[in-house]
Amino acid sequence: MGAGDTMEIFFERLNAGDREGAVALIDERAVMGVYAGGEPRQLRGSESIGGWFLRADKGLRMIPGEVRDMGATLTCDILVLRPGAPSHYLDATFRVEAGKITAINLTPR
């Protein structure tokens, strides 16, 4: 399963409210860079990264726009929707190895 297939499943699960199922696709040694509020954060490990998704507002939706699948790496722009909050866009890069997400980088547009 390539990066595109893995990420399609990840977004389907996340947007259907199955956050645990989406998080199950994250490798235990994964790293995630998040750039929000002017403070870059580096999260390490599936528990830390998974917690970021699990603690997100109920109703969180991340809808990928233009997707560029480059084999093990997938880049896309993501529309983020949260109830009661303004929508915003992120530039995202995901690295997938053996069907597991090993790296995520999210930056505001």
PDB file of N, CA and C in Angstrom:
ATOM      1  N   MET A   1       0.853  -1.170   0.000  1.00  0.00           N
ATOM      2  CA  MET A   1       0.000   0.000   0.000  1.00  0.00           C
ATOM      3  C   MET A   1       0.901   1.235   0.000  1.00  0.00           C
ATOM      4  N   GLY A   2       0.688   2.135  -0.946  1.00  0.00           N
ATOM      5  CA  GLY A   2       1.498   3.342  -1.053  1.00  0.00           C
ATOM      6  C   GLY A   2       1.015   4.458  -0.154  1.00  0.00           C
ATOM      7  N   ALA A   3       1.715   5.582  -0.215  1.00  0.00           N
ATOM      8  CA  ALA A   3       1.379   6.729   0.621  1.00  0.00           C
ATOM      9  C   ALA A   3      -0.039   7.228   0.331  1.00  0.00           C
ATOM     10  N   GLY A   4      -0.400   7.272  -0.928  1.00  0.00           N
ATOM     11  CA  GLY A   4      -1.735   7.750  -1.296  1.00  0.00           C
ATOM     12  C   GLY A   4      -2.840   6.904  -0.699  1.00  0.00           C
ATOM     13  N   ASP A   5      -2.697   5.579  -0.787  1.00  0.00           N
ATOM     14  CA  ASP A   5      -3.704   4.678  -0.228  1.00  0.00           C
ATOM     15  C   ASP A   5      -3.795   4.818   1.287  1.00  0.00           C
ATOM     16  N   THR A   6      -2.636   4.851   1.952  1.00  0.00           N
ATOM     17  CA  THR A   6      -2.610   4.980   3.411  1.00  0.00           C
ATOM     18  C   THR A   6      -3.247   6.281   3.850  1.00  0.00           C
ATOM     19  N   MET A   7      -2.907   7.366   3.177  1.00  0.00           N
ATOM     20  CA  MET A   7      -3.440   8.660   3.574  1.00  0.00           C
ATOM     21  C   MET A   7      -4.926   8.778   3.264  1.00  0.00           C
ATOM     22  N   GLU A   8      -5.393   8.152   2.207  1.00  0.00           N
ATOM     23  CA  GLU A   8      -6.821   8.146   1.909  1.00  0.00           C
ATOM     24  C   GLU A   8      -7.582   7.475   3.059  1.00  0.00           C
ATOM     25  N   ILE A   9      -7.077   6.345   3.525  1.00  0.00           N
ATOM     26  CA  ILE A   9      -7.701   5.642   4.656  1.00  0.00           C
ATOM     27  C   ILE A   9      -7.629   6.498   5.913  1.00  0.00           C
ATOM     28  N   PHE A  10      -6.468   7.129   6.167  1.00  0.00           N
ATOM     29  CA  PHE A  10      -6.303   7.985   7.342  1.00  0.00           C
ATOM     30  C   PHE A  10      -7.362   9.087   7.363  1.00  0.00           C
ATOM     31  N   PHE A  11      -7.497   9.830   6.258  1.00  0.00           N
ATOM     32  CA  PHE A  11      -8.465  10.927   6.212  1.00  0.00           C
ATOM     33  C   PHE A  11      -9.899  10.430   6.282  1.00  0.00           C
ATOM     34  N   GLU A  12     -10.203   9.297   5.645  1.00  0.00           N
ATOM     35  CA  GLU A  12     -11.557   8.736   5.723  1.00  0.00           C
ATOM     36  C   GLU A  12     -11.910   8.424   7.172  1.00  0.00           C
ATOM     37  N   ARG A  13     -10.994   7.764   7.887  1.00  0.00           N
ATOM     38  CA  ARG A  13     -11.252   7.415   9.283  1.00  0.00           C
ATOM     39  C   ARG A  13     -11.365   8.656  10.161  1.00  0.00           C
ATOM     40  N   LEU A  14     -10.429   9.574  10.009  1.00  0.00           N
ATOM     41  CA  LEU A  14     -10.434  10.794  10.814  1.00  0.00           C
ATOM     42  C   LEU A  14     -11.730  11.570  10.608  1.00  0.00           C
ATOM     43  N   ASN A  15     -12.132  11.752   9.369  1.00  0.00           N
ATOM     44  CA  ASN A  15     -13.308  12.553   9.057  1.00  0.00           C
ATOM     45  C   ASN A  15     -14.622  11.847   9.372  1.00  0.00           C
ATOM     46  N   ALA A  16     -14.585  10.530   9.523  1.00  0.00           N
ATOM     47  CA  ALA A  16     -15.777   9.774   9.923  1.00  0.00           C
ATOM     48  C   ALA A  16     -15.913   9.700  11.443  1.00  0.00           C
ATOM     49  N   GLY A  17     -14.942  10.289  12.154  1.00  0.00           N
ATOM     50  CA  GLY A  17     -14.986  10.264  13.614  1.00  0.00           C
ATOM     51  C   GLY A  17     -14.259   9.092  14.232  1.00  0.00           C
ATOM     52  N   ASP A  18     -13.636   8.248  13.403  1.00  0.00           N
ATOM     53  CA  ASP A  18     -12.874   7.101  13.906  1.00  0.00           C
ATOM     54  C   ASP A  18     -11.420   7.528  14.110  1.00  0.00           C
ATOM     55  N   ARG A  19     -11.211   8.369  15.107  1.00  0.00           N
ATOM     56  CA  ARG A  19      -9.862   8.887  15.352  1.00  0.00           C
ATOM     57  C   ARG A  19      -8.895   7.786  15.761  1.00  0.00           C
ATOM     58  N   GLU A  20      -9.377   6.841  16.563  1.00  0.00           N
ATOM     59  CA  GLU A  20      -8.511   5.734  16.979  1.00  0.00           C
ATOM     60  C   GLU A  20      -8.046   4.929  15.768  1.00  0.00           C
ATOM     61  N   GLY A  21      -8.952   4.702  14.825  1.00  0.00           N
ATOM     62  CA  GLY A  21      -8.602   3.985  13.607  1.00  0.00           C
ATOM     63  C   GLY A  21      -7.594   4.740  12.769  1.00  0.00           C
ATOM     64  N   ALA A  22      -7.746   6.075  12.700  1.00  0.00           N
ATOM     65  CA  ALA A  22      -6.790   6.899  11.960  1.00  0.00           C
ATOM     66  C   ALA A  22      -5.424   6.854  12.635  1.00  0.00           C
ATOM     67  N   VAL A  23      -5.415   6.984  13.958  1.00  0.00           N
ATOM     68  CA  VAL A  23      -4.163   6.989  14.719  1.00  0.00           C
ATOM     69  C   VAL A  23      -3.444   5.642  14.611  1.00  0.00           C
ATOM     70  N   ALA A  24      -4.186   4.562  14.421  1.00  0.00           N
ATOM     71  CA  ALA A  24      -3.578   3.239  14.287  1.00  0.00           C
ATOM     72  C   ALA A  24      -2.656   3.151  13.068  1.00  0.00           C
ATOM     73  N   LEU A  25      -2.793   4.072  12.132  1.00  0.00           N
ATOM     74  CA  LEU A  25      -1.945   4.085  10.935  1.00  0.00           C
ATOM     75  C   LEU A  25      -0.617   4.809  11.160  1.00  0.00           C
ATOM     76  N   ILE A  26      -0.413   5.364  12.355  1.00  0.00           N
ATOM     77  CA  ILE A  26       0.817   6.094  12.658  1.00  0.00           C
ATOM     78  C   ILE A  26       1.837   5.145  13.279  1.00  0.00           C
ATOM     79  N   ASP A  27       3.034   5.120  12.707  1.00  0.00           N
ATOM     80  CA  ASP A  27       4.117   4.274  13.196  1.00  0.00           C
ATOM     81  C   ASP A  27       4.529   4.696  14.604  1.00  0.00           C
ATOM     82  N   GLU A  28       4.927   3.737  15.431  1.00  0.00           N
ATOM     83  CA  GLU A  28       5.292   4.040  16.823  1.00  0.00           C
ATOM     84  C   GLU A  28       6.498   4.962  16.947  1.00  0.00           C
ATOM     85  N   ARG A  29       7.340   5.042  15.904  1.00  0.00           N
ATOM     86  CA  ARG A  29       8.525   5.915  15.937  1.00  0.00           C
ATOM     87  C   ARG A  29       8.342   7.179  15.093  1.00  0.00           C
ATOM     88  N   ALA A  30       7.126   7.476  14.721  1.00  0.00           N
ATOM     89  CA  ALA A  30       6.854   8.622  13.843  1.00  0.00           C
ATOM     90  C   ALA A  30       7.232   9.947  14.497  1.00  0.00           C
ATOM     91  N   VAL A  31       7.481  10.937  13.647  1.00  0.00           N
ATOM     92  CA  VAL A  31       7.729  12.313  14.101  1.00  0.00           C
ATOM     93  C   VAL A  31       6.733  13.228  13.396  1.00  0.00           C
ATOM     94  N   MET A  32       6.361  14.316  14.091  1.00  0.00           N
ATOM     95  CA  MET A  32       5.420  15.259  13.506  1.00  0.00           C
ATOM     96  C   MET A  32       5.849  16.672  13.856  1.00  0.00           C
ATOM     97  N   GLY A  33       5.981  17.495  12.837  1.00  0.00           N
ATOM     98  CA  GLY A  33       6.247  18.912  13.025  1.00  0.00           C
ATOM     99  C   GLY A  33       4.952  19.682  12.830  1.00  0.00           C
ATOM    100  N   VAL A  34       4.600  20.484  13.827  1.00  0.00           N
ATOM    101  CA  VAL A  34       3.384  21.289  13.771  1.00  0.00           C
ATOM    102  C   VAL A  34       3.788  22.738  13.980  1.00  0.00           C
ATOM    103  N   TYR A  35       3.377  23.596  13.095  1.00  0.00           N
ATOM    104  CA  TYR A  35       3.696  25.011  13.188  1.00  0.00           C
ATOM    105  C   TYR A  35       2.390  25.768  13.341  1.00  0.00           C
ATOM    106  N   ALA A  36       2.036  26.074  14.582  1.00  0.00           N
ATOM    107  CA  ALA A  36       0.777  26.753  14.860  1.00  0.00           C
ATOM    108  C   ALA A  36       1.002  27.803  15.933  1.00  0.00           C
ATOM    109  N   GLY A  37       0.373  28.931  15.786  1.00  0.00           N
ATOM    110  CA  GLY A  37       0.481  29.987  16.777  1.00  0.00           C
ATOM    111  C   GLY A  37       1.876  30.564  16.913  1.00  0.00           C
ATOM    112  N   GLY A  38       2.677  30.459  15.849  1.00  0.00           N
ATOM    113  CA  GLY A  38       4.018  31.002  15.875  1.00  0.00           C
ATOM    114  C   GLY A  38       5.039  30.140  16.589  1.00  0.00           C
ATOM    115  N   GLU A  39       4.610  29.076  17.211  1.00  0.00           N
ATOM    116  CA  GLU A  39       5.499  28.182  17.962  1.00  0.00           C
ATOM    117  C   GLU A  39       5.631  26.837  17.249  1.00  0.00           C
ATOM    118  N   PRO A  40       6.769  26.529  16.664  1.00  0.00           N
ATOM    119  CA  PRO A  40       6.925  25.189  16.086  1.00  0.00           C
ATOM    120  C   PRO A  40       7.027  24.144  17.192  1.00  0.00           C
ATOM    121  N   ARG A  41       6.375  23.032  16.984  1.00  0.00           N
ATOM    122  CA  ARG A  41       6.436  21.926  17.941  1.00  0.00           C
ATOM    123  C   ARG A  41       6.844  20.667  17.211  1.00  0.00           C
ATOM    124  N   GLN A  42       7.644  19.866  17.853  1.00  0.00           N
ATOM    125  CA  GLN A  42       8.071  18.575  17.307  1.00  0.00           C
ATOM    126  C   GLN A  42       7.530  17.491  18.241  1.00  0.00           C
ATOM    127  N   LEU A  43       6.673  16.645  17.713  1.00  0.00           N
ATOM    128  CA  LEU A  43       6.122  15.530  18.480  1.00  0.00           C
ATOM    129  C   LEU A  43       6.795  14.247  18.022  1.00  0.00           C
ATOM    130  N   ARG A  44       7.066  13.355  18.955  1.00  0.00           N
ATOM    131  CA  ARG A  44       7.729  12.089  18.621  1.00  0.00           C
ATOM    132  C   ARG A  44       6.941  10.924  19.195  1.00  0.00           C
ATOM    133  N   GLY A  45       6.786   9.905  18.375  1.00  0.00           N
ATOM    134  CA  GLY A  45       6.129   8.684  18.804  1.00  0.00           C
ATOM    135  C   GLY A  45       4.631   8.699  18.553  1.00  0.00           C
ATOM    136  N   SER A  46       4.083   7.522  18.319  1.00  0.00           N
ATOM    137  CA  SER A  46       2.667   7.418  17.977  1.00  0.00           C
ATOM    138  C   SER A  46       1.759   7.872  19.115  1.00  0.00           C
ATOM    139  N   GLU A  47       2.181   7.702  20.371  1.00  0.00           N
ATOM    140  CA  GLU A  47       1.336   8.139  21.488  1.00  0.00           C
ATOM    141  C   GLU A  47       1.209   9.657  21.520  1.00  0.00           C
ATOM    142  N   SER A  48       2.312  10.346  21.349  1.00  0.00           N
ATOM    143  CA  SER A  48       2.303  11.813  21.367  1.00  0.00           C
ATOM    144  C   SER A  48       1.544  12.370  20.155  1.00  0.00           C
ATOM    145  N   ILE A  49       1.838  11.852  18.991  1.00  0.00           N
ATOM    146  CA  ILE A  49       1.175  12.318  17.769  1.00  0.00           C
ATOM    147  C   ILE A  49      -0.296  11.926  17.796  1.00  0.00           C
ATOM    148  N   GLY A  50      -0.565  10.694  18.157  1.00  0.00           N
ATOM    149  CA  GLY A  50      -1.947  10.232  18.238  1.00  0.00           C
ATOM    150  C   GLY A  50      -2.761  11.056  19.214  1.00  0.00           C
ATOM    151  N   GLY A  51      -2.149  11.422  20.345  1.00  0.00           N
ATOM    152  CA  GLY A  51      -2.833  12.249  21.324  1.00  0.00           C
ATOM    153  C   GLY A  51      -3.232  13.600  20.755  1.00  0.00           C
ATOM    154  N   TRP A  52      -2.399  14.158  19.883  1.00  0.00           N
ATOM    155  CA  TRP A  52      -2.705  15.445  19.255  1.00  0.00           C
ATOM    156  C   TRP A  52      -4.002  15.327  18.452  1.00  0.00           C
ATOM    157  N   PHE A  53      -4.162  14.238  17.710  1.00  0.00           N
ATOM    158  CA  PHE A  53      -5.387  14.021  16.927  1.00  0.00           C
ATOM    159  C   PHE A  53      -6.561  13.640  17.823  1.00  0.00           C
ATOM    160  N   LEU A  54      -6.314  12.830  18.844  1.00  0.00           N
ATOM    161  CA  LEU A  54      -7.403  12.379  19.721  1.00  0.00           C
ATOM    162  C   LEU A  54      -7.964  13.514  20.571  1.00  0.00           C
ATOM    163  N   ARG A  55      -7.118  14.481  20.948  1.00  0.00           N
ATOM    164  CA  ARG A  55      -7.569  15.606  21.774  1.00  0.00           C
ATOM    165  C   ARG A  55      -8.201  16.731  20.956  1.00  0.00           C
ATOM    166  N   ALA A  56      -8.131  16.668  19.662  1.00  0.00           N
ATOM    167  CA  ALA A  56      -8.676  17.729  18.812  1.00  0.00           C
ATOM    168  C   ALA A  56     -10.187  17.861  19.045  1.00  0.00           C
ATOM    169  N   ASP A  57     -10.712  19.023  18.713  1.00  0.00           N
ATOM    170  CA  ASP A  57     -12.138  19.289  18.888  1.00  0.00           C
ATOM    171  C   ASP A  57     -12.996  18.214  18.226  1.00  0.00           C
ATOM    172  N   LYS A  58     -14.105  17.869  18.897  1.00  0.00           N
ATOM    173  CA  LYS A  58     -15.068  16.968  18.264  1.00  0.00           C
ATOM    174  C   LYS A  58     -15.554  17.625  16.987  1.00  0.00           C
ATOM    175  N   GLY A  59     -15.697  16.850  15.954  1.00  0.00           N
ATOM    176  CA  GLY A  59     -16.137  17.388  14.681  1.00  0.00           C
ATOM    177  C   GLY A  59     -15.003  17.855  13.786  1.00  0.00           C
ATOM    178  N   LEU A  60     -13.745  17.671  14.237  1.00  0.00           N
ATOM    179  CA  LEU A  60     -12.600  18.042  13.403  1.00  0.00           C
ATOM    180  C   LEU A  60     -12.678  17.321  12.063  1.00  0.00           C
ATOM    181  N   ARG A  61     -12.482  18.066  10.997  1.00  0.00           N
ATOM    182  CA  ARG A  61     -12.397  17.495   9.653  1.00  0.00           C
ATOM    183  C   ARG A  61     -11.142  18.046   8.996  1.00  0.00           C
ATOM    184  N   MET A  62     -10.399  17.163   8.345  1.00  0.00           N
ATOM    185  CA  MET A  62      -9.224  17.564   7.566  1.00  0.00           C
ATOM    186  C   MET A  62      -9.449  17.041   6.154  1.00  0.00           C
ATOM    187  N   ILE A  63      -9.692  17.959   5.236  1.00  0.00           N
ATOM    188  CA  ILE A  63     -10.059  17.583   3.873  1.00  0.00           C
ATOM    189  C   ILE A  63      -8.905  17.926   2.938  1.00  0.00           C
ATOM    190  N   PRO A  64      -8.270  16.888   2.366  1.00  0.00           N
ATOM    191  CA  PRO A  64      -7.151  17.157   1.460  1.00  0.00           C
ATOM    192  C   PRO A  64      -7.637  17.751   0.145  1.00  0.00           C
ATOM    193  N   GLY A  65      -6.884  18.730  -0.332  1.00  0.00           N
ATOM    194  CA  GLY A  65      -7.168  19.338  -1.629  1.00  0.00           C
ATOM    195  C   GLY A  65      -6.240  18.742  -2.665  1.00  0.00           C
ATOM    196  N   GLU A  66      -5.445  19.578  -3.290  1.00  0.00           N
ATOM    197  CA  GLU A  66      -4.506  19.102  -4.305  1.00  0.00           C
ATOM    198  C   GLU A  66      -3.483  18.168  -3.668  1.00  0.00           C
ATOM    199  N   VAL A  67      -3.424  16.938  -4.173  1.00  0.00           N
ATOM    200  CA  VAL A  67      -2.538  15.906  -3.624  1.00  0.00           C
ATOM    201  C   VAL A  67      -1.458  15.580  -4.642  1.00  0.00           C
ATOM    202  N   ARG A  68      -0.222  15.513  -4.157  1.00  0.00           N
ATOM    203  CA  ARG A  68       0.902  15.098  -4.990  1.00  0.00           C
ATOM    204  C   ARG A  68       1.510  13.858  -4.338  1.00  0.00           C
ATOM    205  N   ASP A  69       1.295  12.729  -4.972  1.00  0.00           N
ATOM    206  CA  ASP A  69       1.785  11.447  -4.457  1.00  0.00           C
ATOM    207  C   ASP A  69       3.112  11.145  -5.140  1.00  0.00           C
ATOM    208  N   MET A  70       4.186  11.112  -4.343  1.00  0.00           N
ATOM    209  CA  MET A  70       5.522  10.881  -4.880  1.00  0.00           C
ATOM    210  C   MET A  70       6.092   9.565  -4.360  1.00  0.00           C
ATOM    211  N   GLY A  71       5.257   8.545  -4.323  1.00  0.00           N
ATOM    212  CA  GLY A  71       5.706   7.241  -3.837  1.00  0.00           C
ATOM    213  C   GLY A  71       5.534   7.136  -2.349  1.00  0.00           C
ATOM    214  N   ALA A  72       6.632   7.243  -1.597  1.00  0.00           N
ATOM    215  CA  ALA A  72       6.572   7.135  -0.138  1.00  0.00           C
ATOM    216  C   ALA A  72       6.193   8.458   0.514  1.00  0.00           C
ATOM    217  N   THR A  73       6.194   9.549  -0.238  1.00  0.00           N
ATOM    218  CA  THR A  73       5.866  10.863   0.298  1.00  0.00           C
ATOM    219  C   THR A  73       4.644  11.414  -0.415  1.00  0.00           C
ATOM    220  N   LEU A  74       3.758  12.011   0.377  1.00  0.00           N
ATOM    221  CA  LEU A  74       2.565  12.628  -0.165  1.00  0.00           C
ATOM    222  C   LEU A  74       2.504  14.058   0.359  1.00  0.00           C
ATOM    223  N   THR A  75       2.304  15.019  -0.534  1.00  0.00           N
ATOM    224  CA  THR A  75       2.121  16.403  -0.119  1.00  0.00           C
ATOM    225  C   THR A  75       0.737  16.844  -0.557  1.00  0.00           C
ATOM    226  N   CYS A  76       0.128  17.711   0.243  1.00  0.00           N
ATOM    227  CA  CYS A  76      -1.197  18.204  -0.103  1.00  0.00           C
ATOM    228  C   CYS A  76      -1.498  19.465   0.685  1.00  0.00           C
ATOM    229  N   ASP A  77      -2.516  20.181   0.212  1.00  0.00           N
ATOM    230  CA  ASP A  77      -3.056  21.251   1.030  1.00  0.00           C
ATOM    231  C   ASP A  77      -4.298  20.680   1.701  1.00  0.00           C
ATOM    232  N   ILE A  78      -4.519  21.084   2.942  1.00  0.00           N
ATOM    233  CA  ILE A  78      -5.617  20.528   3.730  1.00  0.00           C
ATOM    234  C   ILE A  78      -6.502  21.662   4.219  1.00  0.00           C
ATOM    235  N   LEU A  79      -7.809  21.512   4.007  1.00  0.00           N
ATOM    236  CA  LEU A  79      -8.787  22.408   4.597  1.00  0.00           C
ATOM    237  C   LEU A  79      -9.151  21.825   5.958  1.00  0.00           C
ATOM    238  N   VAL A  80      -8.960  22.614   7.022  1.00  0.00           N
ATOM    239  CA  VAL A  80      -9.257  22.158   8.375  1.00  0.00           C
ATOM    240  C   VAL A  80     -10.545  22.836   8.835  1.00  0.00           C
ATOM    241  N   LEU A  81     -11.506  22.011   9.237  1.00  0.00           N
ATOM    242  CA  LEU A  81     -12.787  22.504   9.723  1.00  0.00           C
ATOM    243  C   LEU A  81     -12.989  22.040  11.157  1.00  0.00           C
ATOM    244  N   ARG A  82     -13.353  22.987  12.015  1.00  0.00           N
ATOM    245  CA  ARG A  82     -13.680  22.676  13.409  1.00  0.00           C
ATOM    246  C   ARG A  82     -14.944  23.442  13.752  1.00  0.00           C
ATOM    247  N   PRO A  83     -15.912  22.783  14.387  1.00  0.00           N
ATOM    248  CA  PRO A  83     -17.143  23.492  14.762  1.00  0.00           C
ATOM    249  C   PRO A  83     -16.833  24.706  15.632  1.00  0.00           C
ATOM    250  N   GLY A  84     -17.444  25.840  15.302  1.00  0.00           N
ATOM    251  CA  GLY A  84     -17.289  27.047  16.090  1.00  0.00           C
ATOM    252  C   GLY A  84     -15.994  27.803  15.879  1.00  0.00           C
ATOM    253  N   ALA A  85     -15.174  27.376  14.934  1.00  0.00           N
ATOM    254  CA  ALA A  85     -13.896  28.048  14.682  1.00  0.00           C
ATOM    255  C   ALA A  85     -13.780  28.338  13.188  1.00  0.00           C
ATOM    256  N   PRO A  86     -13.050  29.392  12.835  1.00  0.00           N
ATOM    257  CA  PRO A  86     -12.853  29.673  11.409  1.00  0.00           C
ATOM    258  C   PRO A  86     -12.076  28.543  10.736  1.00  0.00           C
ATOM    259  N   SER A  87     -12.431  28.261   9.504  1.00  0.00           N
ATOM    260  CA  SER A  87     -11.684  27.245   8.752  1.00  0.00           C
ATOM    261  C   SER A  87     -10.325  27.829   8.375  1.00  0.00           C
ATOM    262  N   HIS A  88      -9.367  26.945   8.141  1.00  0.00           N
ATOM    263  CA  HIS A  88      -8.062  27.400   7.682  1.00  0.00           C
ATOM    264  C   HIS A  88      -7.395  26.302   6.851  1.00  0.00           C
ATOM    265  N   TYR A  89      -6.342  26.697   6.154  1.00  0.00           N
ATOM    266  CA  TYR A  89      -5.618  25.775   5.281  1.00  0.00           C
ATOM    267  C   TYR A  89      -4.233  25.488   5.845  1.00  0.00           C
ATOM    268  N   LEU A  90      -3.793  24.263   5.637  1.00  0.00           N
ATOM    269  CA  LEU A  90      -2.450  23.842   6.002  1.00  0.00           C
ATOM    270  C   LEU A  90      -1.770  23.257   4.775  1.00  0.00           C
ATOM    271  N   ASP A  91      -0.462  23.428   4.697  1.00  0.00           N
ATOM    272  CA  ASP A  91       0.349  22.670   3.754  1.00  0.00           C
ATOM    273  C   ASP A  91       0.842  21.463   4.533  1.00  0.00           C
ATOM    274  N   ALA A  92       0.732  20.294   3.957  1.00  0.00           N
ATOM    275  CA  ALA A  92       1.073  19.073   4.684  1.00  0.00           C
ATOM    276  C   ALA A  92       1.959  18.165   3.857  1.00  0.00           C
ATOM    277  N   THR A  93       2.869  17.502   4.549  1.00  0.00           N
ATOM    278  CA  THR A  93       3.703  16.468   3.952  1.00  0.00           C
ATOM    279  C   THR A  93       3.626  15.243   4.850  1.00  0.00           C
ATOM    280  N   PHE A  94       3.392  14.101   4.243  1.00  0.00           N
ATOM    281  CA  PHE A  94       3.316  12.835   4.971  1.00  0.00           C
ATOM    282  C   PHE A  94       4.309  11.862   4.347  1.00  0.00           C
ATOM    283  N   ARG A  95       4.997  11.126   5.178  1.00  0.00           N
ATOM    284  CA  ARG A  95       5.897  10.058   4.717  1.00  0.00           C
ATOM    285  C   ARG A  95       5.300   8.752   5.210  1.00  0.00           C
ATOM    286  N   VAL A  96       5.207   7.782   4.312  1.00  0.00           N
ATOM    287  CA  VAL A  96       4.607   6.483   4.634  1.00  0.00           C
ATOM    288  C   VAL A  96       5.582   5.384   4.260  1.00  0.00           C
ATOM    289  N   GLU A  97       5.786   4.453   5.181  1.00  0.00           N
ATOM    290  CA  GLU A  97       6.621   3.277   4.930  1.00  0.00           C
ATOM    291  C   GLU A  97       5.868   2.046   5.410  1.00  0.00           C
ATOM    292  N   ALA A  98       5.765   1.058   4.542  1.00  0.00           N
ATOM    293  CA  ALA A  98       5.098  -0.215   4.857  1.00  0.00           C
ATOM    294  C   ALA A  98       3.692   0.003   5.418  1.00  0.00           C
ATOM    295  N   GLY A  99       2.949   0.949   4.838  1.00  0.00           N
ATOM    296  CA  GLY A  99       1.565   1.169   5.241  1.00  0.00           C
ATOM    297  C   GLY A  99       1.384   1.931   6.540  1.00  0.00           C
ATOM    298  N   LYS A 100       2.469   2.460   7.110  1.00  0.00           N
ATOM    299  CA  LYS A 100       2.396   3.234   8.354  1.00  0.00           C
ATOM    300  C   LYS A 100       2.940   4.643   8.105  1.00  0.00           C
ATOM    301  N   ILE A 101       2.322   5.635   8.716  1.00  0.00           N
ATOM    302  CA  ILE A 101       2.770   7.020   8.605  1.00  0.00           C
ATOM    303  C   ILE A 101       3.978   7.192   9.516  1.00  0.00           C
ATOM    304  N   THR A 102       5.121   7.573   8.943  1.00  0.00           N
ATOM    305  CA  THR A 102       6.348   7.717   9.726  1.00  0.00           C
ATOM    306  C   THR A 102       6.723   9.171   9.984  1.00  0.00           C
ATOM    307  N   ALA A 103       6.165  10.093   9.206  1.00  0.00           N
ATOM    308  CA  ALA A 103       6.463  11.513   9.417  1.00  0.00           C
ATOM    309  C   ALA A 103       5.309  12.358   8.901  1.00  0.00           C
ATOM    310  N   ILE A 104       5.013  13.421   9.655  1.00  0.00           N
ATOM    311  CA  ILE A 104       3.973  14.384   9.288  1.00  0.00           C
ATOM    312  C   ILE A 104       4.553  15.773   9.517  1.00  0.00           C
ATOM    313  N   ASN A 105       4.316  16.668   8.573  1.00  0.00           N
ATOM    314  CA  ASN A 105       4.704  18.061   8.749  1.00  0.00           C
ATOM    315  C   ASN A 105       3.506  18.918   8.348  1.00  0.00           C
ATOM    316  N   LEU A 106       3.013  19.730   9.280  1.00  0.00           N
ATOM    317  CA  LEU A 106       1.856  20.597   9.035  1.00  0.00           C
ATOM    318  C   LEU A 106       2.275  22.049   9.239  1.00  0.00           C
ATOM    319  N   THR A 107       2.079  22.875   8.212  1.00  0.00           N
ATOM    320  CA  THR A 107       2.408  24.286   8.322  1.00  0.00           C
ATOM    321  C   THR A 107       1.230  25.120   7.807  1.00  0.00           C
ATOM    322  N   PRO A 108       0.962  26.268   8.447  1.00  0.00           N
ATOM    323  CA  PRO A 108      -0.125  27.120   7.970  1.00  0.00           C
ATOM    324  C   PRO A 108       0.205  27.723   6.615  1.00  0.00           C
ATOM    325  N   ARG A 109      -0.823  27.978   5.858  1.00  0.00           N
ATOM    326  CA  ARG A 109      -0.643  28.631   4.550  1.00  0.00           C
ATOM    327  C   ARG A 109      -0.587  30.110   4.729  1.00  0.00           C
TER     328      ARG A 109
END
